[in-house]
PDB file of N, CA and C in Angstrom:
ATOM      1  N   MET A   1     132.941 116.508 110.755  1.00  0.00           N
ATOM      2  CA  MET A   1     132.726 116.225 109.345  1.00  0.00           C
ATOM      3  C   MET A   1     133.127 117.443 108.522  1.00  0.00           C
ATOM      4  N   ASP A   2     133.769 117.187 107.404  1.00  0.00           N
ATOM      5  CA  ASP A   2     134.129 118.309 106.551  1.00  0.00           C
ATOM      6  C   ASP A   2     132.903 118.767 105.745  1.00  0.00           C
ATOM      7  N   PHE A   3     133.025 119.904 105.141  1.00  0.00           N
ATOM      8  CA  PHE A   3     131.914 120.548 104.430  1.00  0.00           C
ATOM      9  C   PHE A   3     131.312 119.640 103.361  1.00  0.00           C
ATOM     10  N   GLU A   4     132.164 119.047 102.534  1.00  0.00           N
ATOM     11  CA  GLU A   4     131.666 118.215 101.437  1.00  0.00           C
ATOM     12  C   GLU A   4     130.915 116.993 101.951  1.00  0.00           C
ATOM     13  N   THR A   5     131.417 116.394 103.026  1.00  0.00           N
ATOM     14  CA  THR A   5     130.745 115.233 103.616  1.00  0.00           C
ATOM     15  C   THR A   5     129.367 115.616 104.137  1.00  0.00           C
ATOM     16  N   VAL A   6     129.281 116.764 104.778  1.00  0.00           N
ATOM     17  CA  VAL A   6     127.995 117.252 105.280  1.00  0.00           C
ATOM     18  C   VAL A   6     127.027 117.471 104.122  1.00  0.00           C
ATOM     19  N   VAL A   7     127.490 118.103 103.069  1.00  0.00           N
ATOM     20  CA  VAL A   7     126.631 118.385 101.918  1.00  0.00           C
ATOM     21  C   VAL A   7     126.179 117.091 101.240  1.00  0.00           C
ATOM     22  N   PHE A   8     127.103 116.148 101.062  1.00  0.00           N
ATOM     23  CA  PHE A   8     126.727 114.875 100.436  1.00  0.00           C
ATOM     24  C   PHE A   8     125.765 114.081 101.317  1.00  0.00           C
ATOM     25  N   SER A   9     125.909 114.201 102.628  1.00  0.00           N
ATOM     26  CA  SER A   9     124.967 113.563 103.545  1.00  0.00           C
ATOM     27  C   SER A   9     123.564 114.147 103.361  1.00  0.00           C
ATOM     28  N   LEU A  10     123.501 115.449 103.197  1.00  0.00           N
ATOM     29  CA  LEU A  10     122.223 116.124 102.959  1.00  0.00           C
ATOM     30  C   LEU A  10     121.593 115.630 101.651  1.00  0.00           C
ATOM     31  N   ILE A  11     122.390 115.514 100.619  1.00  0.00           N
ATOM     32  CA  ILE A  11     121.892 115.029  99.322  1.00  0.00           C
ATOM     33  C   ILE A  11     121.422 113.575  99.440  1.00  0.00           C
ATOM     34  N   ALA A  12     122.217 112.734 100.076  1.00  0.00           N
ATOM     35  CA  ALA A  12     121.876 111.310 100.178  1.00  0.00           C
ATOM     36  C   ALA A  12     120.591 111.097 100.965  1.00  0.00           C
ATOM     37  N   ASN A  13     120.474 111.749 102.114  1.00  0.00           N
ATOM     38  CA  ASN A  13     119.257 111.583 102.918  1.00  0.00           C
ATOM     39  C   ASN A  13     118.035 112.148 102.207  1.00  0.00           C
ATOM     40  N   SER A  14     118.208 113.269 101.536  1.00  0.00           N
ATOM     41  CA  SER A  14     117.091 113.845 100.786  1.00  0.00           C
ATOM     42  C   SER A  14     116.651 112.912  99.663  1.00  0.00           C
ATOM     43  N   GLY A  15     117.613 112.302  98.990  1.00  0.00           N
ATOM     44  CA  GLY A  15     117.291 111.344  97.937  1.00  0.00           C
ATOM     45  C   GLY A  15     116.534 110.145  98.476  1.00  0.00           C
ATOM     46  N   GLU A  16     116.912 109.685  99.663  1.00  0.00           N
ATOM     47  CA  GLU A  16     116.196 108.576 100.292  1.00  0.00           C
ATOM     48  C   GLU A  16     114.758 108.972 100.630  1.00  0.00           C
ATOM     49  N   VAL A  17     114.575 110.188 101.111  1.00  0.00           N
ATOM     50  CA  VAL A  17     113.227 110.673 101.424  1.00  0.00           C
ATOM     51  C   VAL A  17     112.369 110.639 100.166  1.00  0.00           C
ATOM     52  N   ARG A  18     112.923 111.128  99.083  1.00  0.00           N
ATOM     53  CA  ARG A  18     112.176 111.161  97.819  1.00  0.00           C
ATOM     54  C   ARG A  18     111.832 109.754  97.355  1.00  0.00           C
ATOM     55  N   SER A  19     112.805 108.853  97.370  1.00  0.00           N
ATOM     56  CA  SER A  19     112.581 107.479  96.914  1.00  0.00           C
ATOM     57  C   SER A  19     111.551 106.754  97.777  1.00  0.00           C
ATOM     58  N   LEU A  20     111.674 106.879  99.080  1.00  0.00           N
ATOM     59  CA  LEU A  20     110.719 106.241  99.986  1.00  0.00           C
ATOM     60  C   LEU A  20     109.313 106.808  99.804  1.00  0.00           C
ATOM     61  N   SER A  21     109.225 108.089  99.547  1.00  0.00           N
ATOM     62  CA  SER A  21     107.927 108.722  99.330  1.00  0.00           C
ATOM     63  C   SER A  21     107.265 108.206  98.058  1.00  0.00           C
ATOM     64  N   MET A  22     108.058 108.059  97.006  1.00  0.00           N
ATOM     65  CA  MET A  22     107.515 107.521  95.760  1.00  0.00           C
ATOM     66  C   MET A  22     107.107 106.050  95.935  1.00  0.00           C
ATOM     67  N   GLU A  23     107.878 105.304  96.706  1.00  0.00           N
ATOM     68  CA  GLU A  23     107.499 103.924  97.011  1.00  0.00           C
ATOM     69  C   GLU A  23     106.166 103.889  97.752  1.00  0.00           C
ATOM     70  N   ALA A  24     105.983 104.799  98.684  1.00  0.00           N
ATOM     71  CA  ALA A  24     104.731 104.851  99.448  1.00  0.00           C
ATOM     72  C   ALA A  24     103.540 105.051  98.520  1.00  0.00           C
ATOM     73  N   ILE A  25     103.695 105.914  97.549  1.00  0.00           N
ATOM     74  CA  ILE A  25     102.609 106.148  96.586  1.00  0.00           C
ATOM     75  C   ILE A  25     102.315 104.864  95.816  1.00  0.00           C
ATOM     76  N   GLU A  26     103.360 104.181  95.372  1.00  0.00           N
ATOM     77  CA  GLU A  26     103.169 102.936  94.620  1.00  0.00           C
ATOM     78  C   GLU A  26     102.514 101.860  95.484  1.00  0.00           C
ATOM     79  N   PHE A  27     102.941 101.740  96.736  1.00  0.00           N
ATOM     80  CA  PHE A  27     102.306 100.781  97.640  1.00  0.00           C
ATOM     81  C   PHE A  27     100.822 101.096  97.808  1.00  0.00           C
ATOM     82  N   ALA A  28     100.515 102.368  98.028  1.00  0.00           N
ATOM     83  CA  ALA A  28      99.118 102.763  98.224  1.00  0.00           C
ATOM     84  C   ALA A  28      98.305 102.517  96.965  1.00  0.00           C
ATOM     85  N   LYS A  29      98.880 102.814  95.842  1.00  0.00           N
ATOM     86  CA  LYS A  29      98.193 102.596  94.565  1.00  0.00           C
ATOM     87  C   LYS A  29      97.817 101.122  94.402  1.00  0.00           C
ATOM     88  N   GLY A  30      98.675 100.249  94.892  1.00  0.00           N
ATOM     89  CA  GLY A  30      98.425  98.818  94.825  1.00  0.00           C
ATOM     90  C   GLY A  30      97.618  98.280  95.993  1.00  0.00           C
ATOM     91  N   GLY A  31      97.192  99.157  96.891  1.00  0.00           N
ATOM     92  CA  GLY A  31      96.366  98.737  98.027  1.00  0.00           C
ATOM     93  C   GLY A  31      97.137  98.272  99.244  1.00  0.00           C
ATOM     94  N   SER A  32      98.461  98.389  99.238  1.00  0.00           N
ATOM     95  CA  SER A  32      99.297  97.977 100.379  1.00  0.00           C
ATOM     96  C   SER A  32      99.509  99.168 101.311  1.00  0.00           C
ATOM     97  N   PHE A  33      98.474  99.499 102.062  1.00  0.00           N
ATOM     98  CA  PHE A  33      98.500 100.719 102.873  1.00  0.00           C
ATOM     99  C   PHE A  33      99.448 100.630 104.064  1.00  0.00           C
ATOM    100  N   ASP A  34      99.585  99.447 104.654  1.00  0.00           N
ATOM    101  CA  ASP A  34     100.534  99.308 105.760  1.00  0.00           C
ATOM    102  C   ASP A  34     101.965  99.562 105.270  1.00  0.00           C
ATOM    103  N   LYS A  35     102.296  98.980 104.110  1.00  0.00           N
ATOM    104  CA  LYS A  35     103.632  99.207 103.543  1.00  0.00           C
ATOM    105  C   LYS A  35     103.817 100.675 103.164  1.00  0.00           C
ATOM    106  N   ALA A  36     102.759 101.297 102.672  1.00  0.00           N
ATOM    107  CA  ALA A  36     102.829 102.717 102.307  1.00  0.00           C
ATOM    108  C   ALA A  36     103.127 103.565 103.539  1.00  0.00           C
ATOM    109  N   ARG A  37     102.424 103.275 104.631  1.00  0.00           N
ATOM    110  CA  ARG A  37     102.651 104.044 105.862  1.00  0.00           C
ATOM    111  C   ARG A  37     104.053 103.793 106.421  1.00  0.00           C
ATOM    112  N   GLU A  38     104.538 102.547 106.296  1.00  0.00           N
ATOM    113  CA  GLU A  38     105.902 102.242 106.743  1.00  0.00           C
ATOM    114  C   GLU A  38     106.927 103.032 105.929  1.00  0.00           C
ATOM    115  N   ALA A  39     106.709 103.128 104.624  1.00  0.00           N
ATOM    116  CA  ALA A  39     107.627 103.890 103.771  1.00  0.00           C
ATOM    117  C   ALA A  39     107.610 105.370 104.146  1.00  0.00           C
ATOM    118  N   ILE A  40     106.428 105.900 104.434  1.00  0.00           N
ATOM    119  CA  ILE A  40     106.326 107.306 104.863  1.00  0.00           C
ATOM    120  C   ILE A  40     107.054 107.499 106.193  1.00  0.00           C
ATOM    121  N   GLU A  41     106.897 106.552 107.111  1.00  0.00           N
ATOM    122  CA  GLU A  41     107.570 106.665 108.412  1.00  0.00           C
ATOM    123  C   GLU A  41     109.089 106.623 108.240  1.00  0.00           C
ATOM    124  N   GLU A  42     109.567 105.744 107.374  1.00  0.00           N
ATOM    125  CA  GLU A  42     111.004 105.688 107.102  1.00  0.00           C
ATOM    126  C   GLU A  42     111.477 106.987 106.443  1.00  0.00           C
ATOM    127  N   ALA A  43     110.654 107.528 105.553  1.00  0.00           N
ATOM    128  CA  ALA A  43     110.978 108.819 104.927  1.00  0.00           C
ATOM    129  C   ALA A  43     111.075 109.912 105.981  1.00  0.00           C
ATOM    130  N   ASN A  44     110.184 109.876 106.970  1.00  0.00           N
ATOM    131  CA  ASN A  44     110.238 110.859 108.055  1.00  0.00           C
ATOM    132  C   ASN A  44     111.543 110.765 108.835  1.00  0.00           C
ATOM    133  N   LYS A  45     112.015 109.530 109.067  1.00  0.00           N
ATOM    134  CA  LYS A  45     113.281 109.348 109.784  1.00  0.00           C
ATOM    135  C   LYS A  45     114.456 109.912 108.971  1.00  0.00           C
ATOM    136  N   LYS A  46     114.464 109.623 107.675  1.00  0.00           N
ATOM    137  CA  LYS A  46     115.542 110.138 106.818  1.00  0.00           C
ATOM    138  C   LYS A  46     115.465 111.663 106.715  1.00  0.00           C
ATOM    139  N   LEU A  47     114.242 112.190 106.720  1.00  0.00           N
ATOM    140  CA  LEU A  47     114.082 113.639 106.678  1.00  0.00           C
ATOM    141  C   LEU A  47     114.622 114.272 107.959  1.00  0.00           C
ATOM    142  N   ALA A  48     114.412 113.622 109.084  1.00  0.00           N
ATOM    143  CA  ALA A  48     114.964 114.126 110.351  1.00  0.00           C
ATOM    144  C   ALA A  48     116.491 114.164 110.283  1.00  0.00           C
ATOM    145  N   GLU A  49     117.092 113.144 109.668  1.00  0.00           N
ATOM    146  CA  GLU A  49     118.551 113.134 109.501  1.00  0.00           C
ATOM    147  C   GLU A  49     118.999 114.281 108.598  1.00  0.00           C
ATOM    148  N   ALA A  50     118.262 114.499 107.512  1.00  0.00           N
ATOM    149  CA  ALA A  50     118.605 115.594 106.595  1.00  0.00           C
ATOM    150  C   ALA A  50     118.479 116.937 107.297  1.00  0.00           C
ATOM    151  N   HIS A  51     117.418 117.096 108.084  1.00  0.00           N
ATOM    152  CA  HIS A  51     117.239 118.346 108.825  1.00  0.00           C
ATOM    153  C   HIS A  51     118.363 118.552 109.829  1.00  0.00           C
ATOM    154  N   SER A  52     118.793 117.471 110.453  1.00  0.00           N
ATOM    155  CA  SER A  52     119.899 117.560 111.410  1.00  0.00           C
ATOM    156  C   SER A  52     121.172 118.040 110.716  1.00  0.00           C
ATOM    157  N   THR A  53     121.410 117.507 109.528  1.00  0.00           N
ATOM    158  CA  THR A  53     122.577 117.935 108.753  1.00  0.00           C
ATOM    159  C   THR A  53     122.466 119.408 108.388  1.00  0.00           C
ATOM    160  N   GLN A  54     121.289 119.807 107.940  1.00  0.00           N
ATOM    161  CA  GLN A  54     121.063 121.206 107.585  1.00  0.00           C
ATOM    162  C   GLN A  54     121.263 122.106 108.809  1.00  0.00           C
ATOM    163  N   THR A  55     120.782 121.654 109.960  1.00  0.00           N
ATOM    164  CA  THR A  55     120.930 122.419 111.199  1.00  0.00           C
ATOM    165  C   THR A  55     122.404 122.592 111.562  1.00  0.00           C
ATOM    166  N   THR A  56     123.203 121.568 111.306  1.00  0.00           N
ATOM    167  CA  THR A  56     124.647 121.663 111.542  1.00  0.00           C
ATOM    168  C   THR A  56     125.243 122.813 110.739  1.00  0.00           C
ATOM    169  N   LEU A  57     124.850 122.905 109.476  1.00  0.00           N
ATOM    170  CA  LEU A  57     125.346 123.993 108.618  1.00  0.00           C
ATOM    171  C   LEU A  57     124.872 125.356 109.127  1.00  0.00           C
ATOM    172  N   ILE A  58     123.618 125.431 109.494  1.00  0.00           N
ATOM    173  CA  ILE A  58     123.044 126.704 109.957  1.00  0.00           C
ATOM    174  C   ILE A  58     123.703 127.141 111.263  1.00  0.00           C
ATOM    175  N   GLN A  59     123.892 126.193 112.192  1.00  0.00           N
ATOM    176  CA  GLN A  59     124.519 126.539 113.475  1.00  0.00           C
ATOM    177  C   GLN A  59     125.955 126.998 113.291  1.00  0.00           C
ATOM    178  N   ALA A  60     126.671 126.344 112.390  1.00  0.00           N
ATOM    179  CA  ALA A  60     128.053 126.751 112.133  1.00  0.00           C
ATOM    180  C   ALA A  60     128.096 128.179 111.622  1.00  0.00           C
ATOM    181  N   GLU A  61     127.186 128.500 110.711  1.00  0.00           N
ATOM    182  CA  GLU A  61     127.145 129.865 110.187  1.00  0.00           C
ATOM    183  C   GLU A  61     126.746 130.862 111.270  1.00  0.00           C
ATOM    184  N   ALA A  62     125.799 130.479 112.121  1.00  0.00           N
ATOM    185  CA  ALA A  62     125.357 131.357 113.202  1.00  0.00           C
ATOM    186  C   ALA A  62     126.488 131.616 114.208  1.00  0.00           C
ATOM    187  N   GLN A  63     127.421 130.673 114.308  1.00  0.00           N
ATOM    188  CA  GLN A  63     128.566 130.822 115.208  1.00  0.00           C
ATOM    189  C   GLN A  63     129.711 131.603 114.572  1.00  0.00           C
ATOM    190  N   GLY A  64     129.439 132.124 113.376  1.00  0.00           N
ATOM    191  CA  GLY A  64     130.443 132.962 112.728  1.00  0.00           C
ATOM    192  C   GLY A  64     131.350 132.232 111.758  1.00  0.00           C
ATOM    193  N   LYS A  65     131.141 130.947 111.585  1.00  0.00           N
ATOM    194  CA  LYS A  65     131.948 130.203 110.619  1.00  0.00           C
ATOM    195  C   LYS A  65     131.377 130.459 109.235  1.00  0.00           C
ATOM    196  N   GLU A  66     132.235 130.874 108.341  1.00  0.00           N
ATOM    197  CA  GLU A  66     131.783 131.199 106.993  1.00  0.00           C
ATOM    198  C   GLU A  66     131.352 129.935 106.261  1.00  0.00           C
ATOM    199  N   THR A  67     130.174 129.995 105.655  1.00  0.00           N
ATOM    200  CA  THR A  67     129.667 128.874 104.868  1.00  0.00           C
ATOM    201  C   THR A  67     129.916 129.174 103.402  1.00  0.00           C
ATOM    202  N   LYS A  68     130.602 128.248 102.751  1.00  0.00           N
ATOM    203  CA  LYS A  68     130.841 128.403 101.313  1.00  0.00           C
ATOM    204  C   LYS A  68     129.528 128.105 100.589  1.00  0.00           C
ATOM    205  N   VAL A  69     129.028 129.064  99.866  1.00  0.00           N
ATOM    206  CA  VAL A  69     127.831 128.831  99.067  1.00  0.00           C
ATOM    207  C   VAL A  69     128.313 128.348  97.709  1.00  0.00           C
ATOM    208  N   THR A  70     128.287 127.033  97.574  1.00  0.00           N
ATOM    209  CA  THR A  70     128.753 126.406  96.342  1.00  0.00           C
ATOM    210  C   THR A  70     127.558 125.867  95.568  1.00  0.00           C
ATOM    211  N   LEU A  71     127.796 125.524  94.336  1.00  0.00           N
ATOM    212  CA  LEU A  71     126.748 124.899  93.535  1.00  0.00           C
ATOM    213  C   LEU A  71     126.297 123.602  94.200  1.00  0.00           C
ATOM    214  N   LEU A  72     127.219 122.883  94.802  1.00  0.00           N
ATOM    215  CA  LEU A  72     126.896 121.639  95.485  1.00  0.00           C
ATOM    216  C   LEU A  72     125.951 121.888  96.675  1.00  0.00           C
ATOM    217  N   LEU A  73     126.196 122.930  97.439  1.00  0.00           N
ATOM    218  CA  LEU A  73     125.320 123.261  98.562  1.00  0.00           C
ATOM    219  C   LEU A  73     123.932 123.665  98.066  1.00  0.00           C
ATOM    220  N   VAL A  74     123.880 124.459  97.009  1.00  0.00           N
ATOM    221  CA  VAL A  74     122.592 124.856  96.428  1.00  0.00           C
ATOM    222  C   VAL A  74     121.847 123.611  95.945  1.00  0.00           C
ATOM    223  N   HIS A  75     122.573 122.706  95.306  1.00  0.00           N
ATOM    224  CA  HIS A  75     121.996 121.449  94.830  1.00  0.00           C
ATOM    225  C   HIS A  75     121.425 120.644  96.005  1.00  0.00           C
ATOM    226  N   ALA A  76     122.163 120.583  97.101  1.00  0.00           N
ATOM    227  CA  ALA A  76     121.717 119.843  98.289  1.00  0.00           C
ATOM    228  C   ALA A  76     120.439 120.457  98.859  1.00  0.00           C
ATOM    229  N   GLN A  77     120.404 121.772  98.943  1.00  0.00           N
ATOM    230  CA  GLN A  77     119.207 122.452  99.467  1.00  0.00           C
ATOM    231  C   GLN A  77     118.012 122.217  98.548  1.00  0.00           C
ATOM    232  N   ASP A  78     118.261 122.201  97.250  1.00  0.00           N
ATOM    233  CA  ASP A  78     117.200 121.935  96.284  1.00  0.00           C
ATOM    234  C   ASP A  78     116.653 120.522  96.486  1.00  0.00           C
ATOM    235  N   HIS A  79     117.552 119.565  96.676  1.00  0.00           N
ATOM    236  CA  HIS A  79     117.120 118.189  96.932  1.00  0.00           C
ATOM    237  C   HIS A  79     116.263 118.118  98.187  1.00  0.00           C
ATOM    238  N   LEU A  80     116.687 118.794  99.231  1.00  0.00           N
ATOM    239  CA  LEU A  80     115.946 118.772 100.484  1.00  0.00           C
ATOM    240  C   LEU A  80     114.552 119.372 100.319  1.00  0.00           C
ATOM    241  N   MET A  81     114.467 120.509  99.679  1.00  0.00           N
ATOM    242  CA  MET A  81     113.158 121.158  99.482  1.00  0.00           C
ATOM    243  C   MET A  81     112.233 120.276  98.656  1.00  0.00           C
ATOM    244  N   ASN A  82     112.764 119.665  97.595  1.00  0.00           N
ATOM    245  CA  ASN A  82     111.948 118.775  96.773  1.00  0.00           C
ATOM    246  C   ASN A  82     111.525 117.529  97.545  1.00  0.00           C
ATOM    247  N   ALA A  83     112.419 116.996  98.353  1.00  0.00           N
ATOM    248  CA  ALA A  83     112.095 115.813  99.143  1.00  0.00           C
ATOM    249  C   ALA A  83     110.969 116.100 100.125  1.00  0.00           C
ATOM    250  N   ILE A  84     111.006 117.255 100.757  1.00  0.00           N
ATOM    251  CA  ILE A  84     109.950 117.635 101.698  1.00  0.00           C
ATOM    252  C   ILE A  84     108.612 117.731 100.975  1.00  0.00           C
ATOM    253  N   THR A  85     108.612 118.377  99.826  1.00  0.00           N
ATOM    254  CA  THR A  85     107.372 118.528  99.049  1.00  0.00           C
ATOM    255  C   THR A  85     106.828 117.174  98.624  1.00  0.00           C
ATOM    256  N   ILE A  86     107.697 116.322  98.101  1.00  0.00           N
ATOM    257  CA  ILE A  86     107.252 115.007  97.622  1.00  0.00           C
ATOM    258  C   ILE A  86     106.752 114.153  98.788  1.00  0.00           C
ATOM    259  N   LYS A  87     107.416 114.220  99.936  1.00  0.00           N
ATOM    260  CA  LYS A  87     106.970 113.445 101.094  1.00  0.00           C
ATOM    261  C   LYS A  87     105.583 113.903 101.544  1.00  0.00           C
ATOM    262  N   ASP A  88     105.378 115.206 101.596  1.00  0.00           N
ATOM    263  CA  ASP A  88     104.060 115.727 101.987  1.00  0.00           C
ATOM    264  C   ASP A  88     102.984 115.303 100.996  1.00  0.00           C
ATOM    265  N   MET A  89     103.308 115.370  99.721  1.00  0.00           N
ATOM    266  CA  MET A  89     102.347 114.955  98.697  1.00  0.00           C
ATOM    267  C   MET A  89     102.098 113.444  98.768  1.00  0.00           C
ATOM    268  N   ALA A  90     103.138 112.668  99.037  1.00  0.00           N
ATOM    269  CA  ALA A  90     102.978 111.210  99.144  1.00  0.00           C
ATOM    270  C   ALA A  90     102.023 110.869 100.278  1.00  0.00           C
ATOM    271  N   ARG A  91     102.161 111.537 101.398  1.00  0.00           N
ATOM    272  CA  ARG A  91     101.243 111.305 102.520  1.00  0.00           C
ATOM    273  C   ARG A  91      99.801 111.568 102.095  1.00  0.00           C
ATOM    274  N   GLU A  92      99.601 112.636 101.350  1.00  0.00           N
ATOM    275  CA  GLU A  92      98.257 112.958 100.858  1.00  0.00           C
ATOM    276  C   GLU A  92      97.760 111.900  99.874  1.00  0.00           C
ATOM    277  N   PHE A  93      98.629 111.442  98.980  1.00  0.00           N
ATOM    278  CA  PHE A  93      98.252 110.405  98.019  1.00  0.00           C
ATOM    279  C   PHE A  93      97.859 109.111  98.731  1.00  0.00           C
ATOM    280  N   VAL A  94      98.638 108.726  99.744  1.00  0.00           N
ATOM    281  CA  VAL A  94      98.321 107.507 100.491  1.00  0.00           C
ATOM    282  C   VAL A  94      96.935 107.627 101.105  1.00  0.00           C
ATOM    283  N   GLU A  95      96.658 108.752 101.729  1.00  0.00           N
ATOM    284  CA  GLU A  95      95.337 108.964 102.330  1.00  0.00           C
ATOM    285  C   GLU A  95      94.243 108.950 101.275  1.00  0.00           C
ATOM    286  N   LEU A  96      94.506 109.544 100.138  1.00  0.00           N
ATOM    287  CA  LEU A  96      93.520 109.590  99.060  1.00  0.00           C
ATOM    288  C   LEU A  96      93.241 108.198  98.503  1.00  0.00           C
ATOM    289  N   TYR A  97      94.292 107.425  98.234  1.00  0.00           N
ATOM    290  CA  TYR A  97      94.095 106.060  97.750  1.00  0.00           C
ATOM    291  C   TYR A  97      93.326 105.216  98.774  1.00  0.00           C
ATOM    292  N   GLU A  98      93.634 105.432 100.040  1.00  0.00           N
ATOM    293  CA  GLU A  98      92.928 104.686 101.084  1.00  0.00           C
ATOM    294  C   GLU A  98      91.446 105.058 101.110  1.00  0.00           C
ATOM    295  N   LEU A  99      91.147 106.322 100.957  1.00  0.00           N
ATOM    296  CA  LEU A  99      89.754 106.779 100.917  1.00  0.00           C
ATOM    297  C   LEU A  99      89.034 106.199  99.702  1.00  0.00           C
ATOM    298  N   ILE A 100      89.681 106.249  98.575  1.00  0.00           N
ATOM    299  CA  ILE A 100      89.084 105.697  97.339  1.00  0.00           C
ATOM    300  C   ILE A 100      88.756 104.214  97.533  1.00  0.00           C
ATOM    301  N   LYS A 101      89.706 103.483  98.110  1.00  0.00           N
ATOM    302  CA  LYS A 101      89.496 102.047  98.340  1.00  0.00           C
ATOM    303  C   LYS A 101      88.359 101.829  99.332  1.00  0.00           C
ATOM    304  N   SER A 102      88.290 102.670 100.363  1.00  0.00           N
ATOM    305  CA  SER A 102      87.278 102.463 101.419  1.00  0.00           C
ATOM    306  C   SER A 102      85.848 102.694 100.910  1.00  0.00           C
ATOM    307  N   VAL A 103      85.687 103.514  99.888  1.00  0.00           N
ATOM    308  CA  VAL A 103      84.340 103.749  99.338  1.00  0.00           C
ATOM    309  C   VAL A 103      84.080 102.892  98.117  1.00  0.00           C
ATOM    310  N   GLY A 104      85.030 102.006  97.801  1.00  0.00           N
ATOM    311  CA  GLY A 104      84.840 101.039  96.741  1.00  0.00           C
ATOM    312  C   GLY A 104      84.909 101.588  95.330  1.00  0.00           C
ATOM    313  N   LEU A 105      85.701 102.633  95.116  1.00  0.00           N
ATOM    314  CA  LEU A 105      85.794 103.227  93.781  1.00  0.00           C
ATOM    315  C   LEU A 105      86.873 102.598  92.909  1.00  0.00           C
ATOM    316  N   LYS A 106      87.637 101.668  93.417  1.00  0.00           N
ATOM    317  CA  LYS A 106      88.691 101.078  92.580  1.00  0.00           C
ATOM    318  C   LYS A 106      88.853  99.640  92.856  1.00  0.00           C
TER     319      LYS A 106
END
């Protein structure tokens, strides 16, 4: 894969992680906890793909191949970091909504 394809793959998978994580929060908010957990699990799979792409870049650099630090690469890394944060927070929100529902507060 060429550099741009790798970077766009990182952006696309990170975007999917973010979208699935936000869906999980919405499912949990509506009381659909099974769907929320499924969305989180799918987000985890997409995150694994994003990490694999990132690892490809890191390994290439470790092997002495020069990595172009472009605005696009910085953008991709930013997407990945935000996706990880949102996914972690979504997992917490799902658990929180489930707890709230279990004690009858909503």
